[in-house]
Amino acid sequence: MTAGMPGDLILGLLAGMVLASLHLLLLRRATARIGARSGGVGALLGGAMLRVAVVLAGFAAVAWGTTTQPGLALIAALGGFVLARTLGLWRVQRIKR
């Protein structure tokens, strides 16, 4: 284990959680606008592509910003993304019951 590895893992985990939170926030805003006067299907697809682009850019920034192990940082970021999305969706489902 190298000296920079724990920092890269923590950076990846936190970045993944932030990206998931941002993704869920933007998804919530998009679904709230479905019933309102929106741009239709094109606007929904454009918003989905924008959300995916933001998340992919965030993962690329994690890989670029790490010092020693970008692969492990990306795995940690993916783990943080999945963890935050799972907890967020679990919370939403629990509230709606």
PDB file of N, CA and C in Angstrom:
ATOM      1  N   MET A   1       0.857  -1.173   0.000  1.00  0.00           N
ATOM      2  CA  MET A   1       0.000   0.000   0.000  1.00  0.00           C
ATOM      3  C   MET A   1       0.900   1.232   0.000  1.00  0.00           C
ATOM      4  N   THR A   2       0.689   2.083  -0.962  1.00  0.00           N
ATOM      5  CA  THR A   2       1.521   3.281  -1.061  1.00  0.00           C
ATOM      6  C   THR A   2       0.976   4.386  -0.177  1.00  0.00           C
ATOM      7  N   ALA A   3       1.739   5.436  -0.043  1.00  0.00           N
ATOM      8  CA  ALA A   3       1.365   6.515   0.865  1.00  0.00           C
ATOM      9  C   ALA A   3       0.135   7.281   0.405  1.00  0.00           C
ATOM     10  N   GLY A   4      -0.059   7.440  -0.898  1.00  0.00           N
ATOM     11  CA  GLY A   4      -1.180   8.225  -1.398  1.00  0.00           C
ATOM     12  C   GLY A   4      -2.454   7.440  -1.597  1.00  0.00           C
ATOM     13  N   MET A   5      -2.409   6.113  -1.420  1.00  0.00           N
ATOM     14  CA  MET A   5      -3.570   5.282  -1.716  1.00  0.00           C
ATOM     15  C   MET A   5      -4.782   5.570  -0.819  1.00  0.00           C
ATOM     16  N   PRO A   6      -4.645   5.689   0.502  1.00  0.00           N
ATOM     17  CA  PRO A   6      -5.835   5.988   1.305  1.00  0.00           C
ATOM     18  C   PRO A   6      -6.476   7.326   0.928  1.00  0.00           C
ATOM     19  N   GLY A   7      -5.672   8.310   0.594  1.00  0.00           N
ATOM     20  CA  GLY A   7      -6.216   9.602   0.178  1.00  0.00           C
ATOM     21  C   GLY A   7      -6.983   9.495  -1.127  1.00  0.00           C
ATOM     22  N   ASP A   8      -6.465   8.689  -2.050  1.00  0.00           N
ATOM     23  CA  ASP A   8      -7.155   8.485  -3.319  1.00  0.00           C
ATOM     24  C   ASP A   8      -8.474   7.760  -3.113  1.00  0.00           C
ATOM     25  N   LEU A   9      -8.484   6.767  -2.229  1.00  0.00           N
ATOM     26  CA  LEU A   9      -9.717   6.028  -1.965  1.00  0.00           C
ATOM     27  C   LEU A   9     -10.770   6.914  -1.307  1.00  0.00           C
ATOM     28  N   ILE A  10     -10.350   7.722  -0.359  1.00  0.00           N
ATOM     29  CA  ILE A  10     -11.299   8.623   0.312  1.00  0.00           C
ATOM     30  C   ILE A  10     -11.807   9.673  -0.666  1.00  0.00           C
ATOM     31  N   LEU A  11     -10.916  10.213  -1.486  1.00  0.00           N
ATOM     32  CA  LEU A  11     -11.327  11.181  -2.504  1.00  0.00           C
ATOM     33  C   LEU A  11     -12.345  10.557  -3.451  1.00  0.00           C
ATOM     34  N   GLY A  12     -12.082   9.346  -3.912  1.00  0.00           N
ATOM     35  CA  GLY A  12     -12.998   8.666  -4.812  1.00  0.00           C
ATOM     36  C   GLY A  12     -14.343   8.401  -4.171  1.00  0.00           C
ATOM     37  N   LEU A  13     -14.339   7.933  -2.941  1.00  0.00           N
ATOM     38  CA  LEU A  13     -15.592   7.640  -2.240  1.00  0.00           C
ATOM     39  C   LEU A  13     -16.430   8.900  -2.052  1.00  0.00           C
ATOM     40  N   LEU A  14     -15.816   9.960  -1.592  1.00  0.00           N
ATOM     41  CA  LEU A  14     -16.550  11.210  -1.378  1.00  0.00           C
ATOM     42  C   LEU A  14     -17.036  11.815  -2.694  1.00  0.00           C
ATOM     43  N   ALA A  15     -16.199  11.761  -3.718  1.00  0.00           N
ATOM     44  CA  ALA A  15     -16.600  12.294  -5.012  1.00  0.00           C
ATOM     45  C   ALA A  15     -17.767  11.503  -5.587  1.00  0.00           C
ATOM     46  N   GLY A  16     -17.743  10.187  -5.429  1.00  0.00           N
ATOM     47  CA  GLY A  16     -18.849   9.363  -5.895  1.00  0.00           C
ATOM     48  C   GLY A  16     -20.146   9.685  -5.170  1.00  0.00           C
ATOM     49  N   MET A  17     -20.064   9.925  -3.886  1.00  0.00           N
ATOM     50  CA  MET A  17     -21.270  10.268  -3.117  1.00  0.00           C
ATOM     51  C   MET A  17     -21.813  11.638  -3.536  1.00  0.00           C
ATOM     52  N   VAL A  18     -20.921  12.577  -3.790  1.00  0.00           N
ATOM     53  CA  VAL A  18     -21.353  13.904  -4.245  1.00  0.00           C
ATOM     54  C   VAL A  18     -21.989  13.816  -5.631  1.00  0.00           C
ATOM     55  N   LEU A  19     -21.393  13.035  -6.506  1.00  0.00           N
ATOM     56  CA  LEU A  19     -21.948  12.872  -7.853  1.00  0.00           C
ATOM     57  C   LEU A  19     -23.327  12.220  -7.812  1.00  0.00           C
ATOM     58  N   ALA A  20     -23.499  11.223  -6.952  1.00  0.00           N
ATOM     59  CA  ALA A  20     -24.804  10.580  -6.838  1.00  0.00           C
ATOM     60  C   ALA A  20     -25.839  11.546  -6.282  1.00  0.00           C
ATOM     61  N   SER A  21     -25.458  12.337  -5.309  1.00  0.00           N
ATOM     62  CA  SER A  21     -26.386  13.327  -4.748  1.00  0.00           C
ATOM     63  C   SER A  21     -26.794  14.351  -5.796  1.00  0.00           C
ATOM     64  N   LEU A  22     -25.834  14.799  -6.579  1.00  0.00           N
ATOM     65  CA  LEU A  22     -26.126  15.749  -7.654  1.00  0.00           C
ATOM     66  C   LEU A  22     -27.035  15.110  -8.705  1.00  0.00           C
ATOM     67  N   HIS A  23     -26.757  13.870  -9.051  1.00  0.00           N
ATOM     68  CA  HIS A  23     -27.571  13.156 -10.034  1.00  0.00           C
ATOM     69  C   HIS A  23     -29.009  13.020  -9.539  1.00  0.00           C
ATOM     70  N   LEU A  24     -29.194  12.633  -8.272  1.00  0.00           N
ATOM     71  CA  LEU A  24     -30.547  12.486  -7.735  1.00  0.00           C
ATOM     72  C   LEU A  24     -31.261  13.825  -7.626  1.00  0.00           C
ATOM     73  N   LEU A  25     -30.535  14.878  -7.291  1.00  0.00           N
ATOM     74  CA  LEU A  25     -31.142  16.204  -7.222  1.00  0.00           C
ATOM     75  C   LEU A  25     -31.637  16.652  -8.594  1.00  0.00           C
ATOM     76  N   LEU A  26     -30.808  16.474  -9.604  1.00  0.00           N
ATOM     77  CA  LEU A  26     -31.213  16.861 -10.958  1.00  0.00           C
ATOM     78  C   LEU A  26     -32.348  15.972 -11.471  1.00  0.00           C
ATOM     79  N   LEU A  27     -32.339  14.702 -11.111  1.00  0.00           N
ATOM     80  CA  LEU A  27     -33.423  13.800 -11.502  1.00  0.00           C
ATOM     81  C   LEU A  27     -34.734  14.201 -10.839  1.00  0.00           C
ATOM     82  N   ARG A  28     -34.657  14.588  -9.575  1.00  0.00           N
ATOM     83  CA  ARG A  28     -35.851  15.035  -8.862  1.00  0.00           C
ATOM     84  C   ARG A  28     -36.431  16.302  -9.482  1.00  0.00           C
ATOM     85  N   ARG A  29     -35.567  17.224  -9.847  1.00  0.00           N
ATOM     86  CA  ARG A  29     -36.044  18.450 -10.491  1.00  0.00           C
ATOM     87  C   ARG A  29     -36.672  18.163 -11.845  1.00  0.00           C
ATOM     88  N   ALA A  30     -36.104  17.202 -12.583  1.00  0.00           N
ATOM     89  CA  ALA A  30     -36.649  16.858 -13.899  1.00  0.00           C
ATOM     90  C   ALA A  30     -38.013  16.191 -13.765  1.00  0.00           C
ATOM     91  N   THR A  31     -38.160  15.301 -12.807  1.00  0.00           N
ATOM     92  CA  THR A  31     -39.441  14.617 -12.652  1.00  0.00           C
ATOM     93  C   THR A  31     -40.507  15.554 -12.092  1.00  0.00           C
ATOM     94  N   ALA A  32     -40.112  16.545 -11.346  1.00  0.00           N
ATOM     95  CA  ALA A  32     -41.087  17.508 -10.838  1.00  0.00           C
ATOM     96  C   ALA A  32     -41.646  18.374 -11.961  1.00  0.00           C
ATOM     97  N   ARG A  33     -40.897  18.530 -13.028  1.00  0.00           N
ATOM     98  CA  ARG A  33     -41.328  19.375 -14.141  1.00  0.00           C
ATOM     99  C   ARG A  33     -42.111  18.603 -15.199  1.00  0.00           C
ATOM    100  N   ILE A  34     -42.292  17.301 -15.020  1.00  0.00           N
ATOM    101  CA  ILE A  34     -42.989  16.507 -16.040  1.00  0.00           C
ATOM    102  C   ILE A  34     -44.421  16.986 -16.207  1.00  0.00           C
ATOM    103  N   GLY A  35     -45.121  17.216 -15.108  1.00  0.00           N
ATOM    104  CA  GLY A  35     -46.511  17.648 -15.196  1.00  0.00           C
ATOM    105  C   GLY A  35     -46.649  19.102 -15.603  1.00  0.00           C
ATOM    106  N   ALA A  36     -45.644  19.892 -15.352  1.00  0.00           N
ATOM    107  CA  ALA A  36     -45.709  21.320 -15.691  1.00  0.00           C
ATOM    108  C   ALA A  36     -45.450  21.506 -17.180  1.00  0.00           C
ATOM    109  N   ARG A  37     -45.530  22.720 -17.604  1.00  0.00           N
ATOM    110  CA  ARG A  37     -45.250  23.022 -19.014  1.00  0.00           C
ATOM    111  C   ARG A  37     -43.755  22.886 -19.246  1.00  0.00           C
ATOM    112  N   SER A  38     -43.402  21.800 -19.880  1.00  0.00           N
ATOM    113  CA  SER A  38     -41.990  21.565 -20.163  1.00  0.00           C
ATOM    114  C   SER A  38     -41.793  21.426 -21.656  1.00  0.00           C
ATOM    115  N   GLY A  39     -40.599  21.135 -22.053  1.00  0.00           N
ATOM    116  CA  GLY A  39     -40.278  21.019 -23.469  1.00  0.00           C
ATOM    117  C   GLY A  39     -40.636  19.675 -24.070  1.00  0.00           C
ATOM    118  N   GLY A  40     -41.304  18.801 -23.324  1.00  0.00           N
ATOM    119  CA  GLY A  40     -41.704  17.509 -23.840  1.00  0.00           C
ATOM    120  C   GLY A  40     -40.604  16.476 -23.730  1.00  0.00           C
ATOM    121  N   VAL A  41     -40.689  15.507 -24.610  1.00  0.00           N
ATOM    122  CA  VAL A  41     -39.765  14.378 -24.577  1.00  0.00           C
ATOM    123  C   VAL A  41     -38.338  14.824 -24.866  1.00  0.00           C
ATOM    124  N   GLY A  42     -38.177  15.764 -25.762  1.00  0.00           N
ATOM    125  CA  GLY A  42     -36.834  16.247 -26.092  1.00  0.00           C
ATOM    126  C   GLY A  42     -36.134  16.859 -24.893  1.00  0.00           C
ATOM    127  N   ALA A  43     -36.872  17.603 -24.101  1.00  0.00           N
ATOM    128  CA  ALA A  43     -36.277  18.214 -22.909  1.00  0.00           C
ATOM    129  C   ALA A  43     -35.908  17.150 -21.876  1.00  0.00           C
ATOM    130  N   LEU A  44     -36.746  16.125 -21.732  1.00  0.00           N
ATOM    131  CA  LEU A  44     -36.435  15.056 -20.787  1.00  0.00           C
ATOM    132  C   LEU A  44     -35.198  14.277 -21.226  1.00  0.00           C
ATOM    133  N   LEU A  45     -35.105  13.978 -22.517  1.00  0.00           N
ATOM    134  CA  LEU A  45     -33.929  13.264 -23.018  1.00  0.00           C
ATOM    135  C   LEU A  45     -32.674  14.123 -22.927  1.00  0.00           C
ATOM    136  N   GLY A  46     -32.809  15.402 -23.207  1.00  0.00           N
ATOM    137  CA  GLY A  46     -31.674  16.310 -23.069  1.00  0.00           C
ATOM    138  C   GLY A  46     -31.200  16.398 -21.631  1.00  0.00           C
ATOM    139  N   GLY A  47     -32.143  16.450 -20.693  1.00  0.00           N
ATOM    140  CA  GLY A  47     -31.776  16.484 -19.284  1.00  0.00           C
ATOM    141  C   GLY A  47     -31.102  15.205 -18.833  1.00  0.00           C
ATOM    142  N   ALA A  48     -31.579  14.069 -19.354  1.00  0.00           N
ATOM    143  CA  ALA A  48     -30.950  12.791 -19.010  1.00  0.00           C
ATOM    144  C   ALA A  48     -29.521  12.730 -19.542  1.00  0.00           C
ATOM    145  N   MET A  49     -29.329  13.202 -20.771  1.00  0.00           N
ATOM    146  CA  MET A  49     -27.976  13.208 -21.333  1.00  0.00           C
ATOM    147  C   MET A  49     -27.073  14.157 -20.562  1.00  0.00           C
ATOM    148  N   LEU A  50     -27.615  15.281 -20.117  1.00  0.00           N
ATOM    149  CA  LEU A  50     -26.831  16.226 -19.327  1.00  0.00           C
ATOM    150  C   LEU A  50     -26.428  15.614 -17.981  1.00  0.00           C
ATOM    151  N   ARG A  51     -27.360  14.908 -17.324  1.00  0.00           N
ATOM    152  CA  ARG A  51     -27.033  14.255 -16.053  1.00  0.00           C
ATOM    153  C   ARG A  51     -25.933  13.218 -16.239  1.00  0.00           C
ATOM    154  N   VAL A  52     -26.028  12.413 -17.283  1.00  0.00           N
ATOM    155  CA  VAL A  52     -25.001  11.400 -17.548  1.00  0.00           C
ATOM    156  C   VAL A  52     -23.661  12.068 -17.852  1.00  0.00           C
ATOM    157  N   ALA A  53     -23.675  13.148 -18.620  1.00  0.00           N
ATOM    158  CA  ALA A  53     -22.433  13.849 -18.950  1.00  0.00           C
ATOM    159  C   ALA A  53     -21.779  14.427 -17.700  1.00  0.00           C
ATOM    160  N   VAL A  54     -22.574  14.974 -16.789  1.00  0.00           N
ATOM    161  CA  VAL A  54     -22.021  15.534 -15.551  1.00  0.00           C
ATOM    162  C   VAL A  54     -21.384  14.437 -14.709  1.00  0.00           C
ATOM    163  N   VAL A  55     -22.060  13.294 -14.599  1.00  0.00           N
ATOM    164  CA  VAL A  55     -21.518  12.189 -13.804  1.00  0.00           C
ATOM    165  C   VAL A  55     -20.235  11.642 -14.440  1.00  0.00           C
ATOM    166  N   LEU A  56     -20.244  11.462 -15.749  1.00  0.00           N
ATOM    167  CA  LEU A  56     -19.031  10.958 -16.415  1.00  0.00           C
ATOM    168  C   LEU A  56     -17.872  11.946 -16.304  1.00  0.00           C
ATOM    169  N   ALA A  57     -18.170  13.235 -16.399  1.00  0.00           N
ATOM    170  CA  ALA A  57     -17.116  14.242 -16.220  1.00  0.00           C
ATOM    171  C   ALA A  57     -16.578  14.198 -14.790  1.00  0.00           C
ATOM    172  N   GLY A  58     -17.439  13.963 -13.832  1.00  0.00           N
ATOM    173  CA  GLY A  58     -16.986  13.841 -12.445  1.00  0.00           C
ATOM    174  C   GLY A  58     -16.085  12.642 -12.248  1.00  0.00           C
ATOM    175  N   PHE A  59     -16.444  11.504 -12.850  1.00  0.00           N
ATOM    176  CA  PHE A  59     -15.585  10.331 -12.756  1.00  0.00           C
ATOM    177  C   PHE A  59     -14.247  10.568 -13.460  1.00  0.00           C
ATOM    178  N   ALA A  60     -14.276  11.256 -14.590  1.00  0.00           N
ATOM    179  CA  ALA A  60     -13.023  11.581 -15.278  1.00  0.00           C
ATOM    180  C   ALA A  60     -12.162  12.503 -14.421  1.00  0.00           C
ATOM    181  N   ALA A  61     -12.784  13.440 -13.720  1.00  0.00           N
ATOM    182  CA  ALA A  61     -12.034  14.335 -12.835  1.00  0.00           C
ATOM    183  C   ALA A  61     -11.412  13.563 -11.677  1.00  0.00           C
ATOM    184  N   VAL A  62     -12.121  12.554 -11.174  1.00  0.00           N
ATOM    185  CA  VAL A  62     -11.549  11.719 -10.107  1.00  0.00           C
ATOM    186  C   VAL A  62     -10.321  10.986 -10.624  1.00  0.00           C
ATOM    187  N   ALA A  63     -10.427  10.394 -11.804  1.00  0.00           N
ATOM    188  CA  ALA A  63      -9.286   9.667 -12.365  1.00  0.00           C
ATOM    189  C   ALA A  63      -8.114  10.600 -12.645  1.00  0.00           C
ATOM    190  N   TRP A  64      -8.394  11.800 -13.098  1.00  0.00           N
ATOM    191  CA  TRP A  64      -7.337  12.749 -13.424  1.00  0.00           C
ATOM    192  C   TRP A  64      -6.719  13.356 -12.166  1.00  0.00           C
ATOM    193  N   GLY A  65      -7.520  13.517 -11.120  1.00  0.00           N
ATOM    194  CA  GLY A  65      -7.054  14.210  -9.925  1.00  0.00           C
ATOM    195  C   GLY A  65      -6.340  13.348  -8.910  1.00  0.00           C
ATOM    196  N   THR A  66      -6.331  12.042  -9.087  1.00  0.00           N
ATOM    197  CA  THR A  66      -5.651  11.182  -8.127  1.00  0.00           C
ATOM    198  C   THR A  66      -4.156  11.150  -8.414  1.00  0.00           C
ATOM    199  N   THR A  67      -3.400  10.783  -7.394  1.00  0.00           N
ATOM    200  CA  THR A  67      -1.951  10.840  -7.531  1.00  0.00           C
ATOM    201  C   THR A  67      -1.323   9.489  -7.838  1.00  0.00           C
ATOM    202  N   THR A  68      -1.784   8.420  -7.180  1.00  0.00           N
ATOM    203  CA  THR A  68      -1.072   7.152  -7.334  1.00  0.00           C
ATOM    204  C   THR A  68      -1.903   6.058  -8.003  1.00  0.00           C
ATOM    205  N   GLN A  69      -3.141   5.889  -7.617  1.00  0.00           N
ATOM    206  CA  GLN A  69      -3.942   4.764  -8.080  1.00  0.00           C
ATOM    207  C   GLN A  69      -5.277   5.244  -8.649  1.00  0.00           C
ATOM    208  N   PRO A  70      -5.323   5.705  -9.890  1.00  0.00           N
ATOM    209  CA  PRO A  70      -6.591   6.184 -10.438  1.00  0.00           C
ATOM    210  C   PRO A  70      -7.629   5.083 -10.595  1.00  0.00           C
ATOM    211  N   GLY A  71      -7.204   3.846 -10.835  1.00  0.00           N
ATOM    212  CA  GLY A  71      -8.151   2.742 -10.958  1.00  0.00           C
ATOM    213  C   GLY A  71      -8.878   2.471  -9.655  1.00  0.00           C
ATOM    214  N   LEU A  72      -8.137   2.449  -8.560  1.00  0.00           N
ATOM    215  CA  LEU A  72      -8.767   2.234  -7.258  1.00  0.00           C
ATOM    216  C   LEU A  72      -9.655   3.408  -6.860  1.00  0.00           C
ATOM    217  N   ALA A  73      -9.248   4.600  -7.222  1.00  0.00           N
ATOM    218  CA  ALA A  73     -10.077   5.775  -6.923  1.00  0.00           C
ATOM    219  C   ALA A  73     -11.384   5.719  -7.703  1.00  0.00           C
ATOM    220  N   LEU A  74     -11.328   5.232  -8.944  1.00  0.00           N
ATOM    221  CA  LEU A  74     -12.560   5.097  -9.726  1.00  0.00           C
ATOM    222  C   LEU A  74     -13.471   4.023  -9.142  1.00  0.00           C
ATOM    223  N   ILE A  75     -12.897   2.933  -8.669  1.00  0.00           N
ATOM    224  CA  ILE A  75     -13.711   1.893  -8.029  1.00  0.00           C
ATOM    225  C   ILE A  75     -14.349   2.438  -6.757  1.00  0.00           C
ATOM    226  N   ALA A  76     -13.590   3.200  -5.983  1.00  0.00           N
ATOM    227  CA  ALA A  76     -14.142   3.813  -4.777  1.00  0.00           C
ATOM    228  C   ALA A  76     -15.225   4.830  -5.123  1.00  0.00           C
ATOM    229  N   ALA A  77     -15.027   5.584  -6.206  1.00  0.00           N
ATOM    230  CA  ALA A  77     -16.040   6.554  -6.628  1.00  0.00           C
ATOM    231  C   ALA A  77     -17.316   5.843  -7.059  1.00  0.00           C
ATOM    232  N   LEU A  78     -17.176   4.745  -7.762  1.00  0.00           N
ATOM    233  CA  LEU A  78     -18.342   3.976  -8.166  1.00  0.00           C
ATOM    234  C   LEU A  78     -19.048   3.401  -6.943  1.00  0.00           C
ATOM    235  N   GLY A  79     -18.280   2.919  -5.980  1.00  0.00           N
ATOM    236  CA  GLY A  79     -18.873   2.424  -4.735  1.00  0.00           C
ATOM    237  C   GLY A  79     -19.609   3.515  -3.975  1.00  0.00           C
ATOM    238  N   GLY A  80     -19.021   4.704  -3.906  1.00  0.00           N
ATOM    239  CA  GLY A  80     -19.691   5.827  -3.246  1.00  0.00           C
ATOM    240  C   GLY A  80     -20.946   6.252  -3.988  1.00  0.00           C
ATOM    241  N   PHE A  81     -20.900   6.209  -5.318  1.00  0.00           N
ATOM    242  CA  PHE A  81     -22.060   6.549  -6.136  1.00  0.00           C
ATOM    243  C   PHE A  81     -23.202   5.576  -5.864  1.00  0.00           C
ATOM    244  N   VAL A  82     -22.891   4.286  -5.870  1.00  0.00           N
ATOM    245  CA  VAL A  82     -23.916   3.266  -5.625  1.00  0.00           C
ATOM    246  C   VAL A  82     -24.452   3.377  -4.200  1.00  0.00           C
ATOM    247  N   LEU A  83     -23.581   3.598  -3.237  1.00  0.00           N
ATOM    248  CA  LEU A  83     -24.003   3.718  -1.844  1.00  0.00           C
ATOM    249  C   LEU A  83     -24.936   4.905  -1.641  1.00  0.00           C
ATOM    250  N   ALA A  84     -24.573   6.060  -2.158  1.00  0.00           N
ATOM    251  CA  ALA A  84     -25.402   7.254  -1.981  1.00  0.00           C
ATOM    252  C   ALA A  84     -26.732   7.121  -2.704  1.00  0.00           C
ATOM    253  N   ARG A  85     -26.726   6.549  -3.904  1.00  0.00           N
ATOM    254  CA  ARG A  85     -27.991   6.351  -4.637  1.00  0.00           C
ATOM    255  C   ARG A  85     -28.884   5.356  -3.915  1.00  0.00           C
ATOM    256  N   THR A  86     -28.308   4.286  -3.402  1.00  0.00           N
ATOM    257  CA  THR A  86     -29.092   3.284  -2.689  1.00  0.00           C
ATOM    258  C   THR A  86     -29.704   3.880  -1.432  1.00  0.00           C
ATOM    259  N   LEU A  87     -28.918   4.609  -0.669  1.00  0.00           N
ATOM    260  CA  LEU A  87     -29.438   5.229   0.548  1.00  0.00           C
ATOM    261  C   LEU A  87     -30.484   6.299   0.228  1.00  0.00           C
ATOM    262  N   GLY A  88     -30.256   7.084  -0.813  1.00  0.00           N
ATOM    263  CA  GLY A  88     -31.219   8.111  -1.196  1.00  0.00           C
ATOM    264  C   GLY A  88     -32.535   7.520  -1.660  1.00  0.00           C
ATOM    265  N   LEU A  89     -32.472   6.499  -2.498  1.00  0.00           N
ATOM    266  CA  LEU A  89     -33.701   5.872  -2.974  1.00  0.00           C
ATOM    267  C   LEU A  89     -34.410   5.109  -1.861  1.00  0.00           C
ATOM    268  N   TRP A  90     -33.655   4.509  -0.967  1.00  0.00           N
ATOM    269  CA  TRP A  90     -34.256   3.835   0.180  1.00  0.00           C
ATOM    270  C   TRP A  90     -34.997   4.838   1.067  1.00  0.00           C
ATOM    271  N   ARG A  91     -34.405   5.997   1.252  1.00  0.00           N
ATOM    272  CA  ARG A  91     -35.040   7.038   2.065  1.00  0.00           C
ATOM    273  C   ARG A  91     -36.328   7.535   1.412  1.00  0.00           C
ATOM    274  N   VAL A  92     -36.301   7.731   0.099  1.00  0.00           N
ATOM    275  CA  VAL A  92     -37.489   8.204  -0.612  1.00  0.00           C
ATOM    276  C   VAL A  92     -38.596   7.169  -0.549  1.00  0.00           C
ATOM    277  N   GLN A  93     -38.261   5.906  -0.741  1.00  0.00           N
ATOM    278  CA  GLN A  93     -39.276   4.857  -0.683  1.00  0.00           C
ATOM    279  C   GLN A  93     -39.840   4.726   0.717  1.00  0.00           C
ATOM    280  N   ARG A  94     -39.026   4.909   1.722  1.00  0.00           N
ATOM    281  CA  ARG A  94     -39.493   4.807   3.101  1.00  0.00           C
ATOM    282  C   ARG A  94     -40.411   5.957   3.464  1.00  0.00           C
ATOM    283  N   ILE A  95     -40.134   7.145   2.958  1.00  0.00           N
ATOM    284  CA  ILE A  95     -40.968   8.317   3.249  1.00  0.00           C
ATOM    285  C   ILE A  95     -42.336   8.200   2.579  1.00  0.00           C
ATOM    286  N   LYS A  96     -42.389   7.651   1.384  1.00  0.00           N
ATOM    287  CA  LYS A  96     -43.641   7.589   0.630  1.00  0.00           C
ATOM    288  C   LYS A  96     -44.610   6.530   1.161  1.00  0.00           C
ATOM    289  N   ARG A  97     -44.176   5.641   2.008  1.00  0.00           N
ATOM    290  CA  ARG A  97     -45.066   4.588   2.533  1.00  0.00           C
ATOM    291  C   ARG A  97     -46.042   5.116   3.521  1.00  0.00           C
TER     292      ARG A  97
END
